[in-house]
């Protein structure tokens, strides 16, 4: 589940495109930035922004050219804060709470994450056992409903 959620968040919230290592090199060759051939790893993927710049690994790898750990906002709080920052830039307010500290914030042991448009409107909440997962679920719900209208 977390891999599917990571992919949805990268594509829908962050606006990134998943690209194979081979496709990345083909793009670089076409733009004149890469001349060689590289047959070492056609099956690994990375995330690229709208300009085609490589942003993060899409899966774990021992490739010494790139970070070894995949970008996983549903399991890493550091990557989840990337999502919060992206949502704030898109005009959403953010709130997180824990059932241990706030009444009405989910079942025992749950974390709640909320995103709502800063200009008012529906609050998109999600509950999970970890903050990163709750953040990703709430961000996905908000983007799919408010931005994409689905």
C-alpha atoms as a PDB file:
ATOM      1  CA  UNK A   1       0.000   0.000   0.000  1.00  0.00           C
ATOM      2  CA  UNK A   2       2.698   2.507   0.908  1.00  0.00           C
ATOM      3  CA  UNK A   3       4.398   2.124  -2.501  1.00  0.00           C
ATOM      4  CA  UNK A   4       1.113   2.882  -4.295  1.00  0.00           C
ATOM      5  CA  UNK A   5       0.506   5.824  -1.978  1.00  0.00           C
ATOM      6  CA  UNK A   6       4.051   7.136  -2.598  1.00  0.00           C
ATOM      7  CA  UNK A   7       3.489   6.956  -6.361  1.00  0.00           C
ATOM      8  CA  UNK A   8       0.140   8.769  -6.125  1.00  0.00           C
ATOM      9  CA  UNK A   9       1.647  11.517  -3.961  1.00  0.00           C
ATOM     10  CA  UNK A  10       4.705  11.958  -6.205  1.00  0.00           C
ATOM     11  CA  UNK A  11       2.572  12.233  -9.334  1.00  0.00           C
ATOM     12  CA  UNK A  12      -0.508  14.096  -8.093  1.00  0.00           C
ATOM     13  CA  UNK A  13       0.779  16.247  -5.231  1.00  0.00           C
ATOM     14  CA  UNK A  14       4.380  16.868  -6.209  1.00  0.00           C
ATOM     15  CA  UNK A  15       3.744  16.870  -9.980  1.00  0.00           C
ATOM     16  CA  UNK A  16       6.668  14.531 -10.643  1.00  0.00           C
ATOM     17  CA  UNK A  17       7.063  11.968 -13.393  1.00  0.00           C
ATOM     18  CA  UNK A  18       8.480   8.483 -12.850  1.00  0.00           C
ATOM     19  CA  UNK A  19      11.211   7.752 -15.365  1.00  0.00           C
ATOM     20  CA  UNK A  20      13.419   4.729 -15.962  1.00  0.00           C
ATOM     21  CA  UNK A  21      17.181   5.171 -15.903  1.00  0.00           C
ATOM     22  CA  UNK A  22      17.265   4.349 -19.643  1.00  0.00           C
ATOM     23  CA  UNK A  23      14.577   6.930 -20.465  1.00  0.00           C
ATOM     24  CA  UNK A  24      16.470   9.510 -18.419  1.00  0.00           C
ATOM     25  CA  UNK A  25      19.642   8.868 -20.422  1.00  0.00           C
ATOM     26  CA  UNK A  26      17.687   9.018 -23.697  1.00  0.00           C
ATOM     27  CA  UNK A  27      16.343  12.430 -22.629  1.00  0.00           C
ATOM     28  CA  UNK A  28      19.832  13.613 -21.674  1.00  0.00           C
ATOM     29  CA  UNK A  29      21.272  12.391 -25.006  1.00  0.00           C
ATOM     30  CA  UNK A  30      18.538  14.237 -26.917  1.00  0.00           C
ATOM     31  CA  UNK A  31      19.398  17.466 -25.111  1.00  0.00           C
ATOM     32  CA  UNK A  32      23.135  16.973 -25.645  1.00  0.00           C
ATOM     33  CA  UNK A  33      23.954  16.511 -21.952  1.00  0.00           C
ATOM     34  CA  UNK A  34      24.895  12.833 -22.153  1.00  0.00           C
ATOM     35  CA  UNK A  35      26.961  11.226 -24.891  1.00  0.00           C
ATOM     36  CA  UNK A  36      27.691   7.747 -23.638  1.00  0.00           C
ATOM     37  CA  UNK A  37      25.837   4.533 -23.325  1.00  0.00           C
ATOM     38  CA  UNK A  38      24.758   3.019 -20.075  1.00  0.00           C
ATOM     39  CA  UNK A  39      23.260  -0.433 -20.016  1.00  0.00           C
ATOM     40  CA  UNK A  40      23.686  -1.055 -16.295  1.00  0.00           C
ATOM     41  CA  UNK A  41      20.202  -0.615 -14.911  1.00  0.00           C
ATOM     42  CA  UNK A  42      17.146  -0.307 -17.140  1.00  0.00           C
ATOM     43  CA  UNK A  43      14.836  -1.441 -14.359  1.00  0.00           C
ATOM     44  CA  UNK A  44      15.430   1.279 -11.769  1.00  0.00           C
ATOM     45  CA  UNK A  45      13.313   4.397 -11.686  1.00  0.00           C
ATOM     46  CA  UNK A  46      13.651   7.922 -10.402  1.00  0.00           C
ATOM     47  CA  UNK A  47      11.323  10.895  -9.960  1.00  0.00           C
ATOM     48  CA  UNK A  48      11.714  13.947 -12.212  1.00  0.00           C
ATOM     49  CA  UNK A  49      10.136  17.386 -11.962  1.00  0.00           C
ATOM     50  CA  UNK A  50       8.308  19.166 -14.803  1.00  0.00           C
ATOM     51  CA  UNK A  51      11.629  20.414 -16.209  1.00  0.00           C
ATOM     52  CA  UNK A  52      12.980  16.852 -16.347  1.00  0.00           C
ATOM     53  CA  UNK A  53      15.436  17.314 -13.486  1.00  0.00           C
ATOM     54  CA  UNK A  54      15.988  14.201 -11.378  1.00  0.00           C
ATOM     55  CA  UNK A  55      14.572  14.859  -7.919  1.00  0.00           C
ATOM     56  CA  UNK A  56      14.667  11.565  -6.031  1.00  0.00           C
ATOM     57  CA  UNK A  57      14.929   7.803  -6.258  1.00  0.00           C
ATOM     58  CA  UNK A  58      11.664   5.989  -6.888  1.00  0.00           C
ATOM     59  CA  UNK A  59      13.038   2.767  -5.424  1.00  0.00           C
ATOM     60  CA  UNK A  60      15.965   1.612  -3.331  1.00  0.00           C
ATOM     61  CA  UNK A  61      19.230   1.075  -5.188  1.00  0.00           C
ATOM     62  CA  UNK A  62      22.900   0.512  -4.598  1.00  0.00           C
ATOM     63  CA  UNK A  63      23.711   2.793  -7.551  1.00  0.00           C
ATOM     64  CA  UNK A  64      26.568   5.030  -6.416  1.00  0.00           C
ATOM     65  CA  UNK A  65      25.366   7.899  -8.646  1.00  0.00           C
ATOM     66  CA  UNK A  66      22.167   8.392  -6.682  1.00  0.00           C
ATOM     67  CA  UNK A  67      20.903   8.255  -3.098  1.00  0.00           C
ATOM     68  CA  UNK A  68      20.444   4.673  -1.941  1.00  0.00           C
ATOM     69  CA  UNK A  69      17.025   5.098  -0.358  1.00  0.00           C
ATOM     70  CA  UNK A  70      13.849   5.797  -2.281  1.00  0.00           C
ATOM     71  CA  UNK A  71      11.773   8.901  -1.609  1.00  0.00           C
ATOM     72  CA  UNK A  72       8.941   7.503   0.491  1.00  0.00           C
ATOM     73  CA  UNK A  73       6.677  10.152   2.022  1.00  0.00           C
ATOM     74  CA  UNK A  74       4.324   7.537   3.470  1.00  0.00           C
ATOM     75  CA  UNK A  75       7.095   6.126   5.689  1.00  0.00           C
ATOM     76  CA  UNK A  76       9.637   8.962   6.094  1.00  0.00           C
ATOM     77  CA  UNK A  77       8.730  12.091   8.056  1.00  0.00           C
ATOM     78  CA  UNK A  78      11.379  14.068   6.158  1.00  0.00           C
ATOM     79  CA  UNK A  79       9.780  13.197   2.819  1.00  0.00           C
ATOM     80  CA  UNK A  80       6.297  13.794   4.290  1.00  0.00           C
ATOM     81  CA  UNK A  81       7.321  17.373   5.107  1.00  0.00           C
ATOM     82  CA  UNK A  82       8.186  17.805   1.403  1.00  0.00           C
ATOM     83  CA  UNK A  83       4.513  16.989   0.799  1.00  0.00           C
ATOM     84  CA  UNK A  84       3.342  19.495   3.428  1.00  0.00           C
ATOM     85  CA  UNK A  85       5.533  22.195   1.837  1.00  0.00           C
ATOM     86  CA  UNK A  86       4.162  21.412  -1.637  1.00  0.00           C
ATOM     87  CA  UNK A  87       0.582  21.551  -0.368  1.00  0.00           C
ATOM     88  CA  UNK A  88       1.171  24.903   1.336  1.00  0.00           C
ATOM     89  CA  UNK A  89       2.537  26.270  -1.956  1.00  0.00           C
ATOM     90  CA  UNK A  90      -0.682  25.072  -3.596  1.00  0.00           C
ATOM     91  CA  UNK A  91      -2.724  27.112  -1.092  1.00  0.00           C
ATOM     92  CA  UNK A  92      -3.569  24.566   1.591  1.00  0.00           C
ATOM     93  CA  UNK A  93      -3.371  25.004   5.347  1.00  0.00           C
ATOM     94  CA  UNK A  94      -2.059  22.043   7.337  1.00  0.00           C
ATOM     95  CA  UNK A  95      -2.735  20.636  10.795  1.00  0.00           C
ATOM     96  CA  UNK A  96      -1.681  17.420  12.492  1.00  0.00           C
ATOM     97  CA  UNK A  97      -2.892  16.027  15.803  1.00  0.00           C
ATOM     98  CA  UNK A  98      -2.599  12.885  17.882  1.00  0.00           C
ATOM     99  CA  UNK A  99      -5.377  11.034  19.671  1.00  0.00           C
ATOM    100  CA  UNK A 100      -3.185  10.950  22.792  1.00  0.00           C
ATOM    101  CA  UNK A 101      -3.240  14.741  23.082  1.00  0.00           C
ATOM    102  CA  UNK A 102      -6.441  15.905  21.459  1.00  0.00           C
ATOM    103  CA  UNK A 103      -9.943  14.575  21.937  1.00  0.00           C
ATOM    104  CA  UNK A 104     -11.782  13.762  18.731  1.00  0.00           C
ATOM    105  CA  UNK A 105      -8.584  13.141  16.828  1.00  0.00           C
ATOM    106  CA  UNK A 106      -9.137   9.545  15.807  1.00  0.00           C
ATOM    107  CA  UNK A 107      -8.922   6.240  17.614  1.00  0.00           C
ATOM    108  CA  UNK A 108      -6.347   5.523  20.299  1.00  0.00           C
ATOM    109  CA  UNK A 109      -2.852   5.607  18.853  1.00  0.00           C
ATOM    110  CA  UNK A 110      -3.884   7.336  15.626  1.00  0.00           C
ATOM    111  CA  UNK A 111      -2.473  10.458  14.024  1.00  0.00           C
ATOM    112  CA  UNK A 112      -4.759  12.799  12.114  1.00  0.00           C
ATOM    113  CA  UNK A 113      -3.574  15.064   9.300  1.00  0.00           C
ATOM    114  CA  UNK A 114      -5.761  17.819   7.833  1.00  0.00           C
ATOM    115  CA  UNK A 115      -5.391  19.890   4.700  1.00  0.00           C
ATOM    116  CA  UNK A 116      -7.866  22.638   3.826  1.00  0.00           C
ATOM    117  CA  UNK A 117      -7.827  25.360   1.185  1.00  0.00           C
ATOM    118  CA  UNK A 118      -6.571  28.603   2.751  1.00  0.00           C
ATOM    119  CA  UNK A 119      -9.447  30.469   1.081  1.00  0.00           C
ATOM    120  CA  UNK A 120     -11.959  28.270   2.919  1.00  0.00           C
ATOM    121  CA  UNK A 121     -13.729  25.097   2.053  1.00  0.00           C
ATOM    122  CA  UNK A 122     -13.752  21.455   2.968  1.00  0.00           C
ATOM    123  CA  UNK A 123     -11.205  20.045   5.425  1.00  0.00           C
ATOM    124  CA  UNK A 124      -9.604  16.844   4.129  1.00  0.00           C
ATOM    125  CA  UNK A 125      -8.639  14.604   7.031  1.00  0.00           C
ATOM    126  CA  UNK A 126      -6.921  11.246   7.163  1.00  0.00           C
ATOM    127  CA  UNK A 127      -6.084   8.949  10.049  1.00  0.00           C
ATOM    128  CA  UNK A 128      -3.202   6.497  10.260  1.00  0.00           C
ATOM    129  CA  UNK A 129      -0.857   4.927  12.770  1.00  0.00           C
ATOM    130  CA  UNK A 130       2.006   7.208  11.601  1.00  0.00           C
ATOM    131  CA  UNK A 131       2.190  10.900  10.729  1.00  0.00           C
ATOM    132  CA  UNK A 132       3.791  10.337   7.288  1.00  0.00           C
ATOM    133  CA  UNK A 133       1.001   7.999   6.196  1.00  0.00           C
ATOM    134  CA  UNK A 134      -1.728  10.324   7.501  1.00  0.00           C
ATOM    135  CA  UNK A 135      -0.115  13.300   5.719  1.00  0.00           C
ATOM    136  CA  UNK A 136       0.034  11.428   2.399  1.00  0.00           C
ATOM    137  CA  UNK A 137      -3.546  10.190   2.607  1.00  0.00           C
ATOM    138  CA  UNK A 138      -4.914  13.645   3.447  1.00  0.00           C
ATOM    139  CA  UNK A 139      -2.830  15.371   0.758  1.00  0.00           C
ATOM    140  CA  UNK A 140      -3.952  12.864  -1.873  1.00  0.00           C
ATOM    141  CA  UNK A 141      -7.599  13.325  -0.948  1.00  0.00           C
ATOM    142  CA  UNK A 142      -7.344  17.127  -1.034  1.00  0.00           C
ATOM    143  CA  UNK A 143      -5.512  17.257  -4.388  1.00  0.00           C
ATOM    144  CA  UNK A 144      -7.837  14.772  -6.074  1.00  0.00           C
ATOM    145  CA  UNK A 145     -10.955  16.650  -4.924  1.00  0.00           C
ATOM    146  CA  UNK A 146      -9.955  20.335  -4.984  1.00  0.00           C
ATOM    147  CA  UNK A 147      -7.366  20.544  -7.751  1.00  0.00           C
ATOM    148  CA  UNK A 148      -8.421  17.732 -10.064  1.00  0.00           C
ATOM    149  CA  UNK A 149     -12.129  17.762  -9.222  1.00  0.00           C
ATOM    150  CA  UNK A 150     -12.437  13.985  -9.016  1.00  0.00           C
END
